[in-house]
Amino acid sequence: MSHGIPAILHLMLADDQILFCRVSAVLVGELRNCLHLYKKWSGQHMSKEKSFIFGARNASEEKFEDLGTIIGVGRPPHVLNYLGHKL
């Protein structure tokens, strides 16, 4: 590495994405629309079998089930790790 250039601390694979938004049906719907446009433009699509919805601890499980239905994914079956961090 060159002097003065920040070190790389985390490197995501080109096809890994973590998307964030507030716990809102409207915003999750917009996120779904963005993913649809991305698929249309790039030809790539989200693997729903490998995708999960996570959220704040203060939101109900029922709320996340509703939001997951909007975007077409479910809650993870167990605690997941990504780059050594629990999700």
N, C-alpha and C. Protein backbone atom coordinates (compact mmCIF):
# COMPACT_ATOMS: atom_id res chain seq x y z
N MET A 1 0.84 -1.18 0.00
CA MET A 1 0.00 0.00 0.00
C MET A 1 0.88 1.24 0.00
N SER A 2 0.37 2.25 -0.58
CA SER A 2 1.05 3.52 -0.65
C SER A 2 0.92 4.27 0.68
N HIS A 3 1.90 5.09 1.01
CA HIS A 3 1.81 5.90 2.23
C HIS A 3 0.70 6.94 2.10
N GLY A 4 -0.03 7.14 3.18
CA GLY A 4 -1.09 8.14 3.21
C GLY A 4 -2.43 7.65 2.70
N ILE A 5 -2.50 6.41 2.23
CA ILE A 5 -3.77 5.86 1.77
C ILE A 5 -4.36 5.01 2.89
N PRO A 6 -5.66 5.20 3.20
CA PRO A 6 -6.27 4.42 4.28
C PRO A 6 -6.22 2.92 4.01
N ALA A 7 -6.06 2.15 5.07
CA ALA A 7 -6.06 0.70 4.95
C ALA A 7 -7.48 0.21 4.70
N ILE A 8 -7.60 -0.88 3.96
CA ILE A 8 -8.91 -1.49 3.73
C ILE A 8 -9.24 -2.34 4.94
N LEU A 9 -10.33 -1.99 5.63
CA LEU A 9 -10.72 -2.72 6.83
C LEU A 9 -11.74 -3.81 6.51
N HIS A 10 -12.65 -3.54 5.60
CA HIS A 10 -13.67 -4.52 5.21
C HIS A 10 -13.81 -4.48 3.70
N LEU A 11 -13.93 -5.62 3.11
CA LEU A 11 -14.10 -5.71 1.67
C LEU A 11 -15.30 -6.59 1.38
N MET A 12 -16.30 -6.05 0.70
CA MET A 12 -17.49 -6.83 0.35
C MET A 12 -17.30 -7.41 -1.03
N LEU A 13 -17.82 -8.59 -1.24
CA LEU A 13 -17.82 -9.16 -2.58
C LEU A 13 -18.73 -8.32 -3.46
N ALA A 14 -18.49 -8.36 -4.75
CA ALA A 14 -19.23 -7.50 -5.67
C ALA A 14 -20.74 -7.74 -5.64
N ASP A 15 -21.15 -8.93 -5.27
CA ASP A 15 -22.58 -9.21 -5.29
C ASP A 15 -23.24 -9.17 -3.91
N ASP A 16 -22.53 -8.76 -2.88
CA ASP A 16 -23.10 -8.62 -1.54
C ASP A 16 -23.56 -7.19 -1.33
N GLN A 17 -24.76 -7.04 -0.85
CA GLN A 17 -25.30 -5.71 -0.56
C GLN A 17 -26.02 -5.74 0.78
N ILE A 18 -25.86 -4.72 1.56
CA ILE A 18 -26.64 -4.53 2.78
C ILE A 18 -27.35 -3.20 2.61
N LEU A 19 -28.66 -3.24 2.61
CA LEU A 19 -29.47 -2.05 2.37
C LEU A 19 -30.19 -1.67 3.65
N PHE A 20 -30.31 -0.38 3.90
CA PHE A 20 -30.92 0.12 5.13
C PHE A 20 -32.08 1.04 4.80
N CYS A 21 -33.11 0.98 5.62
CA CYS A 21 -34.19 1.96 5.57
C CYS A 21 -34.95 1.89 6.89
N ARG A 22 -35.80 2.86 7.13
CA ARG A 22 -36.62 2.87 8.34
C ARG A 22 -37.66 1.74 8.27
N VAL A 23 -38.19 1.38 9.42
CA VAL A 23 -39.22 0.34 9.51
C VAL A 23 -40.54 0.96 9.06
N SER A 24 -40.76 0.93 7.76
CA SER A 24 -41.93 1.57 7.17
C SER A 24 -42.34 0.80 5.92
N ALA A 25 -43.61 0.48 5.81
CA ALA A 25 -44.10 -0.23 4.63
C ALA A 25 -43.86 0.58 3.36
N VAL A 26 -44.03 1.89 3.43
CA VAL A 26 -43.81 2.75 2.26
C VAL A 26 -42.35 2.68 1.82
N LEU A 27 -41.43 2.80 2.76
CA LEU A 27 -40.00 2.79 2.41
C LEU A 27 -39.54 1.41 1.93
N VAL A 28 -40.05 0.36 2.53
CA VAL A 28 -39.70 -0.99 2.06
C VAL A 28 -40.25 -1.22 0.66
N GLY A 29 -41.44 -0.66 0.39
CA GLY A 29 -41.99 -0.73 -0.97
C GLY A 29 -41.11 0.00 -1.97
N GLU A 30 -40.59 1.15 -1.58
CA GLU A 30 -39.67 1.90 -2.45
C GLU A 30 -38.37 1.13 -2.66
N LEU A 31 -37.89 0.49 -1.61
CA LEU A 31 -36.69 -0.34 -1.73
C LEU A 31 -36.94 -1.48 -2.73
N ARG A 32 -38.11 -2.10 -2.64
CA ARG A 32 -38.48 -3.16 -3.59
C ARG A 32 -38.48 -2.61 -5.01
N ASN A 33 -39.02 -1.40 -5.21
CA ASN A 33 -39.04 -0.79 -6.54
C ASN A 33 -37.64 -0.53 -7.05
N CYS A 34 -36.74 -0.08 -6.17
CA CYS A 34 -35.34 0.15 -6.56
C CYS A 34 -34.67 -1.15 -6.98
N LEU A 35 -34.93 -2.21 -6.24
CA LEU A 35 -34.35 -3.52 -6.59
C LEU A 35 -34.90 -4.00 -7.93
N HIS A 36 -36.16 -3.74 -8.19
CA HIS A 36 -36.76 -4.11 -9.47
C HIS A 36 -36.09 -3.36 -10.62
N LEU A 37 -35.86 -2.06 -10.44
CA LEU A 37 -35.17 -1.27 -11.47
C LEU A 37 -33.74 -1.76 -11.68
N TYR A 38 -33.07 -2.07 -10.57
CA TYR A 38 -31.69 -2.60 -10.68
C TYR A 38 -31.69 -3.88 -11.50
N LYS A 39 -32.64 -4.77 -11.24
CA LYS A 39 -32.73 -6.02 -12.00
C LYS A 39 -32.97 -5.74 -13.47
N LYS A 40 -33.86 -4.80 -13.75
CA LYS A 40 -34.19 -4.44 -15.13
C LYS A 40 -32.97 -3.88 -15.87
N TRP A 41 -32.22 -3.01 -15.19
CA TRP A 41 -31.07 -2.37 -15.83
C TRP A 41 -29.86 -3.28 -15.94
N SER A 42 -29.63 -4.12 -14.93
CA SER A 42 -28.39 -4.89 -14.88
C SER A 42 -28.54 -6.34 -15.31
N GLY A 43 -29.76 -6.87 -15.24
CA GLY A 43 -29.96 -8.29 -15.51
C GLY A 43 -29.69 -9.16 -14.30
N GLN A 44 -29.22 -8.56 -13.21
CA GLN A 44 -28.97 -9.29 -11.97
C GLN A 44 -30.22 -9.21 -11.10
N HIS A 45 -30.38 -10.21 -10.24
CA HIS A 45 -31.54 -10.18 -9.36
C HIS A 45 -31.16 -10.64 -7.96
N MET A 46 -32.00 -10.29 -7.01
CA MET A 46 -31.79 -10.65 -5.62
C MET A 46 -32.17 -12.11 -5.43
N SER A 47 -31.31 -12.85 -4.79
CA SER A 47 -31.61 -14.23 -4.44
C SER A 47 -32.44 -14.23 -3.17
N LYS A 48 -33.74 -14.46 -3.30
CA LYS A 48 -34.62 -14.39 -2.14
C LYS A 48 -34.34 -15.50 -1.14
N GLU A 49 -33.76 -16.61 -1.61
CA GLU A 49 -33.40 -17.70 -0.70
C GLU A 49 -32.22 -17.32 0.20
N LYS A 50 -31.39 -16.39 -0.25
CA LYS A 50 -30.21 -15.98 0.51
C LYS A 50 -30.38 -14.60 1.15
N SER A 51 -31.57 -14.02 1.03
CA SER A 51 -31.81 -12.67 1.53
C SER A 51 -32.75 -12.70 2.73
N PHE A 52 -32.49 -11.78 3.67
CA PHE A 52 -33.28 -11.74 4.89
C PHE A 52 -33.56 -10.30 5.28
N ILE A 53 -34.57 -10.12 6.11
CA ILE A 53 -34.90 -8.80 6.63
C ILE A 53 -34.51 -8.77 8.11
N PHE A 54 -33.78 -7.73 8.48
CA PHE A 54 -33.34 -7.53 9.86
C PHE A 54 -33.89 -6.19 10.32
N GLY A 55 -33.91 -5.98 11.62
CA GLY A 55 -34.36 -4.69 12.07
C GLY A 55 -34.08 -4.43 13.53
N ALA A 56 -34.54 -3.27 13.94
CA ALA A 56 -34.36 -2.81 15.31
C ALA A 56 -35.09 -3.75 16.28
N ARG A 57 -34.55 -3.86 17.45
CA ARG A 57 -35.14 -4.74 18.46
C ARG A 57 -36.49 -4.24 18.96
N ASN A 58 -36.77 -2.95 18.80
CA ASN A 58 -38.02 -2.41 19.33
C ASN A 58 -39.20 -2.57 18.38
N ALA A 59 -38.99 -3.13 17.20
CA ALA A 59 -40.09 -3.38 16.27
C ALA A 59 -40.56 -4.82 16.44
N SER A 60 -41.85 -5.03 16.29
CA SER A 60 -42.43 -6.35 16.54
C SER A 60 -42.08 -7.34 15.41
N GLU A 61 -42.10 -8.60 15.77
CA GLU A 61 -41.87 -9.67 14.78
C GLU A 61 -42.96 -9.62 13.70
N GLU A 62 -44.18 -9.29 14.10
CA GLU A 62 -45.28 -9.18 13.15
C GLU A 62 -45.00 -8.09 12.12
N LYS A 63 -44.44 -6.98 12.56
CA LYS A 63 -44.10 -5.88 11.65
C LYS A 63 -43.09 -6.35 10.61
N PHE A 64 -42.06 -7.10 11.07
CA PHE A 64 -41.05 -7.58 10.12
C PHE A 64 -41.60 -8.62 9.17
N GLU A 65 -42.55 -9.43 9.62
CA GLU A 65 -43.20 -10.37 8.72
C GLU A 65 -43.96 -9.62 7.63
N ASP A 66 -44.66 -8.56 8.03
CA ASP A 66 -45.39 -7.74 7.06
C ASP A 66 -44.44 -7.09 6.06
N LEU A 67 -43.33 -6.52 6.55
CA LEU A 67 -42.36 -5.87 5.67
C LEU A 67 -41.68 -6.89 4.77
N GLY A 68 -41.38 -8.06 5.31
CA GLY A 68 -40.77 -9.12 4.51
C GLY A 68 -41.67 -9.57 3.38
N THR A 69 -42.97 -9.58 3.63
CA THR A 69 -43.94 -9.94 2.59
C THR A 69 -43.90 -8.93 1.45
N ILE A 70 -43.74 -7.66 1.78
CA ILE A 70 -43.70 -6.61 0.76
C ILE A 70 -42.51 -6.81 -0.18
N ILE A 71 -41.36 -7.12 0.40
CA ILE A 71 -40.14 -7.22 -0.41
C ILE A 71 -39.85 -8.66 -0.86
N GLY A 72 -40.57 -9.62 -0.26
CA GLY A 72 -40.44 -11.01 -0.70
C GLY A 72 -39.37 -11.81 -0.01
N VAL A 73 -38.98 -11.41 1.21
CA VAL A 73 -37.98 -12.18 1.96
C VAL A 73 -38.48 -12.39 3.38
N GLY A 74 -37.86 -13.32 4.09
CA GLY A 74 -38.26 -13.61 5.45
C GLY A 74 -37.18 -13.26 6.46
N ARG A 75 -37.44 -13.61 7.69
CA ARG A 75 -36.46 -13.41 8.77
C ARG A 75 -35.43 -14.54 8.69
N PRO A 76 -34.21 -14.31 9.15
CA PRO A 76 -33.21 -15.37 9.12
C PRO A 76 -33.58 -16.51 10.07
N PRO A 77 -33.24 -17.74 9.71
CA PRO A 77 -33.59 -18.88 10.56
C PRO A 77 -32.75 -18.95 11.84
N HIS A 78 -31.62 -18.27 11.88
CA HIS A 78 -30.72 -18.28 13.03
C HIS A 78 -29.83 -17.05 12.96
N VAL A 79 -28.99 -16.86 13.95
CA VAL A 79 -28.06 -15.72 13.95
C VAL A 79 -27.06 -15.89 12.81
N LEU A 80 -26.90 -14.87 12.02
CA LEU A 80 -25.98 -14.90 10.88
C LEU A 80 -24.77 -14.05 11.17
N ASN A 81 -23.64 -14.43 10.59
CA ASN A 81 -22.41 -13.65 10.69
C ASN A 81 -22.02 -13.17 9.30
N TYR A 82 -21.58 -11.94 9.22
CA TYR A 82 -21.07 -11.38 7.98
C TYR A 82 -19.78 -10.65 8.29
N LEU A 83 -18.70 -11.06 7.66
CA LEU A 83 -17.38 -10.49 7.90
C LEU A 83 -17.04 -10.51 9.39
N GLY A 84 -17.45 -11.57 10.08
CA GLY A 84 -17.12 -11.73 11.49
C GLY A 84 -18.03 -10.99 12.45
N HIS A 85 -19.10 -10.37 11.95
CA HIS A 85 -20.01 -9.61 12.79
C HIS A 85 -21.39 -10.27 12.78
N LYS A 86 -22.00 -10.38 13.96
CA LYS A 86 -23.36 -10.93 14.03
C LYS A 86 -24.33 -9.91 13.46
N LEU A 87 -25.27 -10.42 12.67
CA LEU A 87 -26.31 -9.56 12.10
C LEU A 87 -27.60 -9.75 12.87
